[in-house]
Structure formats: structure tokens, C-alpha cells
């Protein structure tokens, strides 16, 4: 979004690695362990874990087993050590790509390309793709070119001209949306498709809650709510929680709360949120933004820093100026406004944990039904 504020063109290349964990090269991993200073007995321990492994397929309740097949490459999945080794394998990838910013989580790799003009974005994407393909090849991994694709962002929703991005003779697909780390992103960052999928999951969770509520107590059903509905809502809520479709997810949250309380579907839900101690979706967004601010206060300026004579608003955070409408919904942009609206006893909390505790209790008591209701709140 910062690049769009500077009127630059932005594209993201989403890489799909072919059987990434299964084809990790033991020799490359060993060399990288040495490079990072792991030698002697610790290195031998890692090498012993990697080599001389075999796998079998078990069926029919354990009564049928295949012959053992030696695994000469790859890291065994299901172990935290394996995840660590795979992350180490990819650790130097961002520094090896000088044409893009690389984001990684396990085998999910995305490269963000930023250029000043539309004309140069195709060239930059091709350069980035070539560098990535070469790096993966040298490091014993392989791009799945059939599933690797890219998006060119256009916040106005206009269709961008078709581009041609290739690796060798394989042309990569240009799409209008993609899934990255559980987020459905589209080229105009409207989050409609993300909310669509989220609502599908929330609908299933509400159905399951309804079944559970018939056989267990309200407290047990409430516990199930936090394991299902709440965990779905809070994931990245600060990103999509103020999009145009956010109320669709909020309606399903209210349905879940009514199920826990065992009341009719048209019962006013606000008192139920307060009684059950459950945060509304807008409150979840406010909480996550406020926690971000508290953890990053040193990155923001106050009015007192700029004007030593300012006493009344000395502790107020100075807002981050932005031109684009979508930018106003970014966490670090809306953060100062959210933080400045919090009651003083919450801001004065001595630690992050006490700040979070006080804030959650206050948000439950207020049970805001929208972000604008929170902004209009007066103590």
C-alpha cells in the first residue's frame, strides 16, 4: 500500500514448490548448517536424523503394510526440528533476490515486485521469476510452474493489460486472486472473496455449535465457540475486518452467540455478548490494532515530542497521513486514532499483559457494533 501511495505499480508472484519437504537435499542442508556455525556433535546429530530413514504405507487397520522404501532426501514432516531445517534451507533466499521483496512461511513463498511504471512491471516479473527458479534449482528445490502464478494490483478495480511472464518456455498464469497463508487476496484488496470463504467456514461452525448445544452445557458450548468461531474471526481481522462485507461475518458471529445462549434467532445479541464475555467482531479489530500500537509505540510520535508547550494532548499519538481511501484501514494508519480513543486507565497500564486485560474487559462491557460506534464513543 505504501508503494501505491507513491503511485507505483505492484505485483506479487506466488511460488508453488513441488513436494518441497519431500525433496529437500540433505547435502545442501548439511552445508548450510556448517555455514551457520553448526559443527561437530550437533552437526552429526542432525545428519543422523536425516539419513537412513525409510517409509512404509499402512492400511486395513494396520494389518497390511508395504515394503520399506528408503528415503534418501527430504525432511520428515510432523517434527518441529524438520520445520526448522526447512526454514534454514530457505533462509538466505530473500537476500539472493535483488529484484523483489520476498516473504516466506515454511514452503509458502511470495515475491513482491514494485516498479514506477506499468511498462516495466513485465520485465521485472520475468527477472524475478528467473532468479527464483535458478535459486531453487541450485538449492535442490523446484518451482511447480503449473501452479506458480502472479497478480498485478489495481486498487481502482480496473483490469490490467495481460502480461507474459515465463520460465523457459512455460508461461505463468496471471490471476485476479490468490490464497496466501489463509488469506484470499484479490487485485483490488476488497477482501470480498476472503469474507466469502470465511462465512462458509463460520456457517459450518454455527451448525456444529447448534448440534453441540443440544447435548452439553452453555459453558461447554462457549468453549467450543472459542475453538471454532472466534479463532476464525480473529485471524487477520485487522486486515479484512473493516472491508465492505465485514457485517456478513458479524451476522454469523451473532448467530453463534444466540446458539450459546439458547435464545431465538431474532433476540437482540448485544446483551448476550456482554453476559457471555465475548468480543464482537469490531471489538476484535480494535483489540488487535491497539495491541499492535502498544507493542510499537516507539515507532510513533506524540504531540509532546513536537511541541514542548503542548500539555493537554502531549501523550496523544500523531496520525499517519495517507491519500488513498484504502490506506486509512491499514493497521499502522488507523492505529493512532484507535489508541487515542482508549480510556486513560487502559493506556496507563504498566505492562502489555495488563493493557490487554483491561482493554478486553472494557471492549466486552461496551460491546461495540461497529468501528464508527467506537470512534464516536465518549467517556
Protein backbone atom coordinates (compact mmCIF):
# COMPACT_ATOMS: atom_id res chain seq x y z
CA UNK A 1 0.00 0.00 0.00
CA UNK A 2 2.92 2.34 0.66
CA UNK A 3 4.03 1.76 -2.94
CA UNK A 4 0.55 2.63 -4.20
CA UNK A 5 0.69 5.83 -2.15
CA UNK A 6 3.81 6.67 -4.16
CA UNK A 7 1.86 5.88 -7.38
CA UNK A 8 4.00 2.85 -8.13
CA UNK A 9 2.91 -0.42 -9.74
CA UNK A 10 2.86 -3.53 -7.54
CA UNK A 11 2.64 -7.23 -8.40
CA UNK A 12 3.03 -10.35 -6.30
CA UNK A 13 4.48 -13.62 -7.58
CA UNK A 14 3.18 -16.64 -5.62
CA UNK A 15 5.54 -19.61 -5.81
CA UNK A 16 4.47 -23.22 -5.54
CA UNK A 17 7.25 -25.66 -4.69
CA UNK A 18 6.99 -29.23 -5.94
CA UNK A 19 6.89 -31.57 -2.90
CA UNK A 20 9.08 -29.12 -1.04
CA UNK A 21 9.57 -31.03 2.24
CA UNK A 22 9.99 -34.35 0.43
CA UNK A 23 12.78 -33.31 -1.94
CA UNK A 24 14.94 -31.19 0.41
CA UNK A 25 18.57 -32.11 -0.35
CA UNK A 26 20.42 -33.47 2.69
CA UNK A 27 23.77 -32.31 1.33
CA UNK A 28 22.56 -28.73 0.90
CA UNK A 29 21.07 -28.72 4.41
CA UNK A 30 24.34 -30.01 5.87
CA UNK A 31 26.38 -27.34 4.07
CA UNK A 32 24.07 -24.60 5.32
CA UNK A 33 24.28 -25.91 8.88
CA UNK A 34 28.07 -25.65 8.60
CA UNK A 35 27.78 -22.14 7.16
CA UNK A 36 25.72 -21.06 10.18
CA UNK A 37 28.38 -22.41 12.55
CA UNK A 38 26.95 -25.82 13.45
CA UNK A 39 29.76 -28.38 13.51
CA UNK A 40 30.98 -31.40 15.46
CA UNK A 41 28.48 -33.41 17.52
CA UNK A 42 25.48 -31.11 16.88
CA UNK A 43 26.02 -31.44 13.12
CA UNK A 44 26.40 -35.23 13.41
CA UNK A 45 23.12 -35.35 15.33
CA UNK A 46 21.28 -33.54 12.53
CA UNK A 47 22.92 -35.73 9.88
CA UNK A 48 21.92 -38.85 11.79
CA UNK A 49 18.31 -37.64 11.94
CA UNK A 50 18.24 -37.04 8.18
CA UNK A 51 19.89 -40.21 6.84
CA UNK A 52 18.97 -43.88 6.93
CA UNK A 53 15.25 -43.21 7.06
CA UNK A 54 12.59 -45.35 5.40
CA UNK A 55 8.85 -45.11 5.00
CA UNK A 56 6.01 -47.58 4.69
CA UNK A 57 2.32 -47.34 3.84
CA UNK A 58 -0.07 -48.92 6.35
CA UNK A 59 -3.65 -49.90 5.56
CA UNK A 60 -6.61 -52.01 6.70
CA UNK A 61 -6.24 -51.02 10.33
CA UNK A 62 -2.56 -51.87 10.45
CA UNK A 63 -2.96 -55.37 9.08
CA UNK A 64 -1.43 -54.53 5.69
CA UNK A 65 1.96 -52.87 5.26
CA UNK A 66 4.05 -52.07 2.22
CA UNK A 67 7.74 -52.90 1.92
CA UNK A 68 10.03 -50.23 3.40
CA UNK A 69 11.17 -47.61 0.91
CA UNK A 70 14.43 -45.82 1.64
CA UNK A 71 14.12 -42.02 1.85
CA UNK A 72 17.36 -40.52 0.56
CA UNK A 73 16.08 -36.93 0.58
CA UNK A 74 13.54 -34.73 2.29
CA UNK A 75 12.84 -33.84 5.91
CA UNK A 76 10.35 -35.90 7.93
CA UNK A 77 7.17 -33.90 8.42
CA UNK A 78 5.48 -33.72 11.81
CA UNK A 79 8.59 -32.65 13.69
CA UNK A 80 9.46 -29.13 14.82
CA UNK A 81 13.10 -29.89 14.01
CA UNK A 82 12.14 -30.69 10.42
CA UNK A 83 10.36 -27.35 10.10
CA UNK A 84 13.44 -25.64 11.49
CA UNK A 85 15.72 -27.38 9.00
CA UNK A 86 13.48 -26.49 6.07
CA UNK A 87 13.32 -22.85 7.20
CA UNK A 88 17.12 -22.87 7.41
CA UNK A 89 17.26 -24.25 3.86
CA UNK A 90 15.29 -21.24 2.60
CA UNK A 91 16.80 -18.72 5.00
CA UNK A 92 19.10 -16.95 2.50
CA UNK A 93 16.51 -16.78 -0.29
CA UNK A 94 15.41 -13.15 0.38
CA UNK A 95 19.00 -11.91 0.20
CA UNK A 96 19.54 -13.75 -3.10
CA UNK A 97 16.69 -11.98 -4.92
CA UNK A 98 17.54 -8.36 -5.71
CA UNK A 99 14.51 -7.59 -7.88
CA UNK A 100 11.75 -8.12 -5.30
CA UNK A 101 10.87 -8.33 -1.62
CA UNK A 102 10.48 -11.99 -0.63
CA UNK A 103 8.00 -13.13 2.04
CA UNK A 104 8.19 -16.70 3.36
CA UNK A 105 6.46 -19.02 5.78
CA UNK A 106 7.58 -22.67 5.52
CA UNK A 107 7.14 -23.54 1.84
CA UNK A 108 4.81 -20.61 1.08
CA UNK A 109 6.93 -18.11 -0.84
CA UNK A 110 5.77 -14.83 -2.37
CA UNK A 111 7.82 -12.15 -4.11
CA UNK A 112 6.54 -8.57 -4.19
CA UNK A 113 7.64 -6.59 -7.23
CA UNK A 114 7.46 -2.78 -7.17
CA UNK A 115 8.15 -0.60 -10.21
CA UNK A 116 7.43 3.02 -11.20
CA UNK A 117 5.59 2.32 -14.47
CA UNK A 118 3.22 -0.25 -15.98
CA UNK A 119 5.62 -0.74 -18.87
CA UNK A 120 8.42 -2.04 -16.64
CA UNK A 121 6.42 -4.45 -14.48
CA UNK A 122 6.51 -7.29 -17.01
CA UNK A 123 10.31 -7.10 -17.30
CA UNK A 124 10.74 -7.02 -13.52
CA UNK A 125 8.44 -10.01 -13.04
CA UNK A 126 10.41 -12.02 -15.59
CA UNK A 127 13.70 -11.10 -13.91
CA UNK A 128 12.35 -12.08 -10.51
CA UNK A 129 10.95 -15.38 -11.78
CA UNK A 130 14.26 -16.26 -13.42
CA UNK A 131 16.21 -15.52 -10.22
CA UNK A 132 13.79 -17.58 -8.11
CA UNK A 133 13.86 -20.55 -10.49
CA UNK A 134 17.68 -20.52 -10.52
CA UNK A 135 17.94 -20.27 -6.72
CA UNK A 136 15.51 -23.15 -6.17
CA UNK A 137 17.36 -25.29 -8.70
CA UNK A 138 20.76 -24.65 -7.08
CA UNK A 139 19.32 -25.43 -3.65
CA UNK A 140 17.74 -28.73 -4.64
CA UNK A 141 14.15 -27.48 -4.91
CA UNK A 142 11.87 -26.96 -7.90
CA UNK A 143 9.17 -24.48 -8.84
CA UNK A 144 5.88 -26.05 -9.84
CA UNK A 145 5.31 -23.83 -12.88
CA UNK A 146 1.75 -25.09 -13.39
CA UNK A 147 0.70 -23.67 -10.01
CA UNK A 148 3.06 -20.69 -9.70
CA UNK A 149 1.16 -17.53 -10.65
CA UNK A 150 1.13 -13.75 -10.20
CA UNK A 151 -1.24 -10.85 -9.59
CA UNK A 152 -0.93 -7.20 -10.61
CA UNK A 153 -2.68 -4.95 -8.10
CA UNK A 154 -5.07 -2.24 -9.26
CA UNK A 155 -6.97 -0.68 -6.36
CA UNK A 156 -9.46 1.01 -8.70
CA UNK A 157 -10.66 -2.40 -9.85
CA UNK A 158 -9.70 -1.84 -13.48
CA UNK A 159 -8.45 -4.80 -15.50
CA UNK A 160 -4.73 -4.60 -16.19
CA UNK A 161 -3.35 -5.48 -19.59
CA UNK A 162 -2.29 -9.13 -20.00
CA UNK A 163 1.39 -9.77 -19.30
CA UNK A 164 3.69 -12.56 -20.41
CA UNK A 165 5.86 -13.97 -17.64
CA UNK A 166 7.82 -17.13 -18.44
CA UNK A 167 10.33 -19.59 -17.07
CA UNK A 168 11.95 -21.17 -20.10
CA UNK A 169 9.05 -22.00 -22.39
CA UNK A 170 6.48 -22.23 -19.58
CA UNK A 171 4.12 -19.23 -19.34
CA UNK A 172 2.94 -18.45 -15.80
CA UNK A 173 -0.73 -17.78 -15.09
CA UNK A 174 -1.89 -14.23 -14.35
CA UNK A 175 -4.77 -14.36 -11.87
CA UNK A 176 -7.08 -11.87 -10.16
CA UNK A 177 -6.97 -13.56 -6.74
CA UNK A 178 -4.84 -15.96 -4.73
CA UNK A 179 -4.62 -17.65 -1.35
CA UNK A 180 -1.57 -16.83 0.75
CA UNK A 181 -1.25 -18.06 4.33
CA UNK A 182 -5.01 -18.50 4.59
CA UNK A 183 -5.91 -15.09 3.17
CA UNK A 184 -7.87 -14.75 -0.06
CA UNK A 185 -6.30 -11.70 -1.72
CA UNK A 186 -7.63 -10.03 -4.84
CA UNK A 187 -6.08 -7.43 -7.13
CA UNK A 188 -8.05 -4.52 -5.65
CA UNK A 189 -7.74 -5.67 -1.99
CA UNK A 190 -11.51 -5.64 -1.49
CA UNK A 191 -11.41 -8.84 0.66
CA UNK A 192 -14.79 -9.97 -0.73
CA UNK A 193 -13.54 -13.44 -1.61
CA UNK A 194 -11.87 -13.81 1.78
CA UNK A 195 -15.15 -12.98 3.53
CA UNK A 196 -16.98 -15.42 1.23
CA UNK A 197 -14.76 -18.31 2.31
CA UNK A 198 -14.76 -17.18 5.93
CA UNK A 199 -18.56 -17.08 6.03
CA UNK A 200 -18.69 -20.60 4.63
CA UNK A 201 -16.49 -21.81 7.50
CA UNK A 202 -18.45 -19.77 10.05
CA UNK A 203 -21.73 -21.24 8.78
CA UNK A 204 -20.36 -24.75 9.28
CA UNK A 205 -19.10 -23.80 12.75
CA UNK A 206 -22.52 -22.41 13.72
CA UNK A 207 -24.19 -25.63 12.56
CA UNK A 208 -21.76 -27.66 14.68
CA UNK A 209 -22.35 -25.38 17.67
CA UNK A 210 -26.08 -25.92 17.31
CA UNK A 211 -25.59 -29.67 17.45
CA UNK A 212 -23.25 -29.41 20.43
CA UNK A 213 -25.59 -27.05 22.34
CA UNK A 214 -28.29 -29.73 22.42
CA UNK A 215 -26.16 -32.12 24.46
CA UNK A 216 -23.75 -30.05 26.61
CA UNK A 217 -23.92 -27.04 28.89
CA UNK A 218 -23.79 -23.42 27.73
CA UNK A 219 -20.30 -23.11 29.22
CA UNK A 220 -19.05 -26.10 27.21
CA UNK A 221 -20.67 -24.67 24.08
CA UNK A 222 -18.96 -21.33 24.79
CA UNK A 223 -15.62 -23.16 24.94
CA UNK A 224 -16.37 -24.72 21.55
CA UNK A 225 -17.18 -21.23 20.23
CA UNK A 226 -13.65 -20.01 21.03
CA UNK A 227 -12.12 -23.08 19.36
CA UNK A 228 -14.10 -22.53 16.16
CA UNK A 229 -15.87 -19.21 15.50
CA UNK A 230 -13.54 -16.95 17.49
CA UNK A 231 -10.35 -18.49 16.08
CA UNK A 232 -11.69 -17.95 12.55
CA UNK A 233 -12.74 -14.35 13.19
CA UNK A 234 -9.57 -13.16 14.87
CA UNK A 235 -7.18 -14.47 12.18
CA UNK A 236 -6.07 -11.33 10.36
CA UNK A 237 -9.17 -9.40 11.48
CA UNK A 238 -7.15 -6.17 11.44
CA UNK A 239 -6.66 -6.69 7.68
CA UNK A 240 -10.19 -7.57 6.49
CA UNK A 241 -12.31 -6.53 9.48
CA UNK A 242 -13.23 -3.14 8.01
CA UNK A 243 -13.87 -4.19 4.42
CA UNK A 244 -17.24 -3.55 2.78
CA UNK A 245 -18.52 -7.07 3.57
CA UNK A 246 -17.43 -7.35 7.21
CA UNK A 247 -21.01 -7.33 8.51
CA UNK A 248 -21.71 -10.68 6.84
CA UNK A 249 -19.21 -12.31 9.18
CA UNK A 250 -20.58 -10.32 12.13
CA UNK A 251 -24.12 -11.61 11.49
CA UNK A 252 -22.84 -15.17 11.71
CA UNK A 253 -21.00 -14.33 14.93
CA UNK A 254 -24.29 -13.05 16.40
CA UNK A 255 -25.96 -16.30 15.32
CA UNK A 256 -23.28 -18.25 17.21
CA UNK A 257 -23.78 -16.15 20.36
CA UNK A 258 -27.55 -16.77 20.25
CA UNK A 259 -26.89 -20.50 19.92
CA UNK A 260 -24.69 -20.47 23.04
CA UNK A 261 -27.34 -18.53 24.98
CA UNK A 262 -30.12 -20.79 23.73
CA UNK A 263 -32.36 -17.91 22.63
CA UNK A 264 -34.47 -17.31 19.48
CA UNK A 265 -32.71 -16.16 16.29
CA UNK A 266 -34.24 -12.65 16.47
CA UNK A 267 -33.09 -11.92 20.04
CA UNK A 268 -31.01 -8.74 20.42
CA UNK A 269 -27.45 -10.04 20.69
CA UNK A 270 -25.62 -7.13 22.34
CA UNK A 271 -26.59 -8.06 25.94
CA UNK A 272 -25.58 -11.65 25.14
CA UNK A 273 -22.06 -10.61 24.11
CA UNK A 274 -21.68 -8.81 27.43
CA UNK A 275 -23.19 -11.63 29.51
CA UNK A 276 -21.07 -14.33 27.86
CA UNK A 277 -17.88 -12.24 27.90
CA UNK A 278 -17.40 -12.46 24.13
CA UNK A 279 -15.83 -9.74 21.96
CA UNK A 280 -17.80 -8.52 18.97
CA UNK A 281 -16.05 -8.58 15.61
CA UNK A 282 -15.48 -4.78 15.65
CA UNK A 283 -14.05 -5.16 19.17
CA UNK A 284 -11.69 -7.89 17.94
CA UNK A 285 -10.41 -5.50 15.24
CA UNK A 286 -9.96 -2.69 17.79
CA UNK A 287 -8.16 -5.04 20.21
CA UNK A 288 -5.68 -6.27 17.61
CA UNK A 289 -4.94 -2.76 16.32
CA UNK A 290 -4.49 -1.43 19.86
CA UNK A 291 -2.14 -4.28 20.77
CA UNK A 292 -0.08 -3.53 17.66
CA UNK A 293 0.15 0.10 18.74
CA UNK A 294 1.15 -0.76 22.30
CA UNK A 295 3.91 -3.06 21.07
CA UNK A 296 5.21 -0.43 18.60
CA UNK A 297 4.74 2.85 20.46
CA UNK A 298 8.40 3.74 19.97
CA UNK A 299 7.76 3.94 16.20
CA UNK A 300 5.18 6.72 16.58
CA UNK A 301 5.48 10.35 17.61
CA UNK A 302 3.38 12.23 20.14
CA UNK A 303 2.30 15.86 20.08
CA UNK A 304 4.51 16.45 23.11
CA UNK A 305 7.59 15.42 21.11
CA UNK A 306 6.94 18.14 18.53
CA UNK A 307 5.76 20.89 20.87
CA UNK A 308 7.22 21.17 24.35
CA UNK A 309 4.48 23.65 25.26
CA UNK A 310 1.74 21.11 24.48
CA UNK A 311 0.42 19.73 27.76
CA UNK A 312 -3.22 18.81 27.20
CA UNK A 313 -2.55 16.42 24.32
CA UNK A 314 1.12 15.70 24.96
CA UNK A 315 0.62 11.92 25.10
CA UNK A 316 -1.65 11.73 22.05
CA UNK A 317 -0.17 9.82 19.10
CA UNK A 318 0.24 11.76 15.86
CA UNK A 319 -1.67 10.21 12.97
CA UNK A 320 -0.07 8.82 9.81
CA UNK A 321 -1.06 10.85 6.75
CA UNK A 322 -2.36 8.94 3.71
CA UNK A 323 -4.04 9.90 0.43
CA UNK A 324 -5.74 6.68 -0.61
CA UNK A 325 -9.03 5.62 1.00
CA UNK A 326 -7.89 2.00 1.40
CA UNK A 327 -4.78 3.18 3.24
CA UNK A 328 -6.93 4.56 6.07
CA UNK A 329 -7.82 0.96 7.00
CA UNK A 330 -4.22 -0.19 7.39
CA UNK A 331 -3.25 -1.21 10.92
CA UNK A 332 -0.46 1.35 11.37
CA UNK A 333 -2.60 4.13 9.84
CA UNK A 334 -5.75 3.60 11.89
CA UNK A 335 -3.64 2.69 14.93
CA UNK A 336 -3.06 6.21 16.31
CA UNK A 337 -6.79 7.03 16.06
CA UNK A 338 -7.70 3.81 17.88
CA UNK A 339 -5.07 4.28 20.58
CA UNK A 340 -6.02 7.90 21.22
CA UNK A 341 -9.65 6.89 21.81
CA UNK A 342 -8.84 4.43 24.60
CA UNK A 343 -9.63 5.37 28.23
CA UNK A 344 -6.68 6.67 30.23
CA UNK A 345 -6.70 3.82 32.74
CA UNK A 346 -6.09 1.38 29.87
CA UNK A 347 -3.31 3.44 28.28
CA UNK A 348 -1.66 3.80 31.71
CA UNK A 349 -1.46 0.02 32.20
CA UNK A 350 2.10 -0.81 33.35
CA UNK A 351 2.62 -3.81 31.08
CA UNK A 352 1.41 -5.26 27.79
CA UNK A 353 -0.42 -8.08 29.58
CA UNK A 354 -2.28 -5.72 31.92
CA UNK A 355 -3.01 -3.41 28.96
CA UNK A 356 -4.55 -6.35 27.07
CA UNK A 357 -6.56 -7.49 30.10
CA UNK A 358 -8.01 -4.04 30.81
CA UNK A 359 -8.74 -3.41 27.14
CA UNK A 360 -10.56 -6.72 26.66
CA UNK A 361 -12.72 -6.14 29.72
CA UNK A 362 -13.63 -2.64 28.55
CA UNK A 363 -14.40 -3.81 25.00
CA UNK A 364 -16.66 -6.56 26.34
CA UNK A 365 -18.50 -4.03 28.52
CA UNK A 366 -19.00 -1.62 25.60
CA UNK A 367 -19.73 -4.35 23.00
CA UNK A 368 -19.25 -2.04 20.02
CA UNK A 369 -21.29 -2.99 16.98
CA UNK A 370 -19.12 -1.06 14.51
CA UNK A 371 -15.80 0.75 14.23
CA UNK A 372 -17.65 4.06 13.80
CA UNK A 373 -19.52 3.45 17.06
CA UNK A 374 -16.16 3.10 18.80
CA UNK A 375 -14.84 6.33 17.21
CA UNK A 376 -17.99 8.19 18.30
CA UNK A 377 -17.70 6.89 21.89
CA UNK A 378 -17.32 9.50 24.60
CA UNK A 379 -16.40 8.54 28.14
